[in-house]
N, C-alpha and C. Protein backbone atom coordinates (compact mmCIF):
# COMPACT_ATOMS: atom_id res chain seq x y z
N MET A 1 -9.15 20.79 44.89
CA MET A 1 -9.39 20.00 44.66
C MET A 1 -10.78 19.59 45.23
N ILE A 2 -10.77 19.49 46.32
CA ILE A 2 -11.75 18.80 47.50
C ILE A 2 -13.22 19.75 47.00
N LYS A 3 -12.73 20.86 47.15
CA LYS A 3 -13.80 22.06 46.93
C LYS A 3 -14.42 21.63 45.50
N ARG A 4 -13.57 21.33 44.29
CA ARG A 4 -14.34 20.97 43.58
C ARG A 4 -15.52 19.67 43.76
N GLN A 5 -14.72 18.84 44.14
CA GLN A 5 -15.34 17.17 44.39
C GLN A 5 -16.59 17.69 45.00
N ILE A 6 -16.85 18.45 45.84
CA ILE A 6 -18.16 18.39 46.84
C ILE A 6 -18.79 19.24 46.00
N CYS A 7 -18.39 20.38 45.33
CA CYS A 7 -19.56 20.77 44.06
C CYS A 7 -20.07 20.09 43.59
N GLU A 8 -19.28 19.26 42.73
CA GLU A 8 -19.65 18.18 41.54
C GLU A 8 -20.66 17.46 42.49
N LYS A 9 -20.27 16.75 43.69
CA LYS A 9 -21.04 15.72 44.17
C LYS A 9 -22.54 16.62 44.64
N LEU A 10 -22.36 17.85 44.84
CA LEU A 10 -23.79 18.79 45.16
C LEU A 10 -24.49 18.67 43.94
N GLU A 11 -24.17 19.13 42.64
CA GLU A 11 -24.74 19.07 41.61
C GLU A 11 -25.44 17.73 41.14
N GLN A 12 -24.44 16.68 41.33
CA GLN A 12 -25.24 15.27 41.42
C GLN A 12 -26.60 15.09 41.97
N VAL A 13 -26.06 15.56 43.28
CA VAL A 13 -27.34 15.52 44.05
C VAL A 13 -28.66 16.17 43.62
N PHE A 14 -28.27 17.29 43.40
CA PHE A 14 -29.70 18.45 43.11
C PHE A 14 -30.26 17.89 41.45
N ASP A 15 -29.50 17.14 40.93
CA ASP A 15 -29.82 16.98 39.45
C ASP A 15 -31.05 15.50 39.69
N HIS A 16 -30.88 14.90 40.88
CA HIS A 16 -31.90 13.91 41.25
C HIS A 16 -32.94 14.52 41.55
N PHE A 17 -33.34 15.66 42.16
CA PHE A 17 -34.13 16.09 43.00
C PHE A 17 -35.39 16.16 41.66
N LEU A 18 -36.55 16.26 42.12
CA LEU A 18 -37.96 16.76 41.13
C LEU A 18 -37.43 18.07 40.80
N LYS A 19 -37.97 18.60 39.49
CA LYS A 19 -38.08 19.75 39.06
C LYS A 19 -38.47 20.55 39.57
N TYR A 20 -38.44 21.15 40.95
CA TYR A 20 -39.44 22.14 41.52
C TYR A 20 -39.28 23.57 40.99
N HIS A 21 -40.08 24.53 41.68
CA HIS A 21 -39.98 26.09 41.03
C HIS A 21 -38.87 26.39 41.77
N MET A 22 -38.66 25.90 42.85
CA MET A 22 -37.40 26.48 43.42
C MET A 22 -36.90 25.35 44.66
N ASN A 23 -35.78 25.20 44.75
CA ASN A 23 -34.93 24.22 45.58
C ASN A 23 -34.08 25.23 46.47
N ILE A 24 -34.25 24.86 47.58
CA ILE A 24 -33.59 25.55 48.64
C ILE A 24 -32.29 25.00 49.41
N LEU A 25 -31.09 25.45 49.30
CA LEU A 25 -29.88 24.92 49.82
C LEU A 25 -29.28 25.87 50.95
N LEU A 26 -29.45 25.04 52.47
CA LEU A 26 -28.90 26.10 53.73
C LEU A 26 -27.38 25.42 53.85
N GLY A 27 -26.74 26.30 54.13
CA GLY A 27 -25.15 25.80 54.97
C GLY A 27 -24.35 27.01 54.73
N ASP A 28 -23.33 26.79 55.28
CA ASP A 28 -22.26 27.89 55.11
C ASP A 28 -21.16 27.34 54.50
N PHE A 29 -21.02 28.17 52.99
CA PHE A 29 -20.23 27.62 52.38
C PHE A 29 -18.66 28.83 52.41
N ASN A 30 -19.04 29.54 53.51
CA ASN A 30 -17.79 30.24 53.30
C ASN A 30 -17.40 31.27 52.04
N GLY A 31 -18.39 31.59 51.41
CA GLY A 31 -18.06 32.14 50.00
C GLY A 31 -18.58 33.56 50.13
N LYS A 32 -17.49 34.65 49.81
CA LYS A 32 -17.74 36.17 49.96
C LYS A 32 -18.17 36.27 48.34
N VAL A 33 -19.42 36.94 48.04
CA VAL A 33 -20.01 37.35 47.01
C VAL A 33 -19.70 38.85 47.10
N GLY A 34 -19.38 39.00 45.56
CA GLY A 34 -19.15 40.46 45.22
C GLY A 34 -19.69 41.15 44.30
N ARG A 35 -19.37 42.58 43.60
CA ARG A 35 -20.00 43.11 42.70
C ARG A 35 -19.26 42.52 41.54
N GLU A 36 -18.98 41.63 41.33
CA GLU A 36 -18.62 41.19 39.83
C GLU A 36 -19.66 41.43 38.83
N ASN A 37 -19.49 42.00 37.13
CA ASN A 37 -20.21 42.16 36.40
C ASN A 37 -21.25 40.67 36.31
N ILE A 38 -20.45 39.80 36.13
CA ILE A 38 -21.30 38.45 35.97
C ILE A 38 -21.98 37.94 36.54
N PHE A 39 -22.38 38.72 37.92
CA PHE A 39 -23.40 38.50 39.01
C PHE A 39 -24.19 39.71 39.13
N LYS A 40 -24.37 40.61 38.38
CA LYS A 40 -25.32 41.74 38.88
C LYS A 40 -26.60 41.44 38.55
N LEU A 41 -27.14 40.73 37.38
CA LEU A 41 -28.33 40.31 37.80
C LEU A 41 -28.87 39.47 39.00
N THR A 42 -28.09 38.72 39.56
CA THR A 42 -28.41 37.80 40.71
C THR A 42 -28.29 38.70 42.01
N VAL A 43 -27.16 39.75 42.20
CA VAL A 43 -26.66 40.28 43.25
C VAL A 43 -27.14 41.59 43.42
N GLY A 44 -26.89 41.96 42.07
CA GLY A 44 -27.04 43.55 42.19
C GLY A 44 -25.92 44.16 42.23
N ASN A 45 -26.21 45.62 42.71
CA ASN A 45 -25.02 46.74 42.84
C ASN A 45 -24.84 47.09 44.46
N GLU A 46 -25.94 46.46 45.26
CA GLU A 46 -26.02 46.91 46.49
C GLU A 46 -25.05 46.20 47.53
N ASN A 47 -24.18 45.45 46.89
CA ASN A 47 -23.32 44.43 47.93
C ASN A 47 -21.94 45.08 48.31
N LEU A 48 -21.82 45.29 49.49
CA LEU A 48 -20.69 45.94 50.17
C LEU A 48 -19.16 45.49 49.64
N ARG A 49 -19.00 44.48 49.17
CA ARG A 49 -17.92 43.79 48.88
C ARG A 49 -17.49 44.15 47.51
N ARG A 50 -16.35 44.46 47.20
CA ARG A 50 -16.08 44.69 45.75
C ARG A 50 -16.14 43.54 45.00
N ASN A 51 -15.21 42.74 45.54
CA ASN A 51 -14.40 41.37 45.21
C ASN A 51 -14.96 40.28 45.80
N GLY A 52 -15.62 39.09 45.28
CA GLY A 52 -15.77 38.07 46.18
C GLY A 52 -14.91 36.90 45.91
N SER A 53 -14.66 36.20 46.75
CA SER A 53 -13.75 34.99 47.00
C SER A 53 -13.62 33.86 45.78
N ASP A 54 -12.95 33.09 45.80
CA ASP A 54 -13.41 31.97 44.59
C ASP A 54 -14.42 31.18 45.29
N ASP A 55 -14.61 30.91 46.43
CA ASP A 55 -15.67 30.16 47.02
C ASP A 55 -16.81 30.77 47.23
N GLY A 56 -17.00 31.82 46.92
CA GLY A 56 -18.24 32.89 46.67
C GLY A 56 -18.83 32.54 45.08
N VAL A 57 -17.80 32.78 44.27
CA VAL A 57 -17.71 32.42 42.80
C VAL A 57 -18.45 31.17 42.42
N ARG A 58 -17.78 30.05 43.32
CA ARG A 58 -18.04 28.41 43.05
C ARG A 58 -19.66 28.65 43.32
N ILE A 59 -19.99 29.11 44.55
CA ILE A 59 -21.55 28.80 44.86
C ILE A 59 -22.33 29.51 44.09
N MET A 60 -22.02 30.84 43.60
CA MET A 60 -22.54 31.43 42.53
C MET A 60 -23.20 30.88 41.44
N ASN A 61 -22.01 30.29 40.95
CA ASN A 61 -22.13 29.52 39.69
C ASN A 61 -23.16 28.29 39.85
N PHE A 62 -23.13 27.54 40.90
CA PHE A 62 -23.86 26.35 41.56
C PHE A 62 -25.29 27.18 41.42
N ALA A 63 -25.42 28.25 42.21
CA ALA A 63 -26.99 28.68 42.46
C ALA A 63 -27.58 29.04 40.80
N THR A 64 -26.70 29.69 40.22
CA THR A 64 -27.46 30.13 38.96
C THR A 64 -27.21 29.07 38.13
């Protein structure tokens, strides 16, 4: 519940930024990104981890 609220707030903050070609967000989200098919265009096949964590999926959804 709290993680979802944090992600929603983060999306609201990013929506208020001017639309630049690239926005950079730094931090430790403790997410592990795997080789899920939905992220192949973003991550590719070169990831050592087969499956990601819920936090990894959450941050990849935000990033894409």
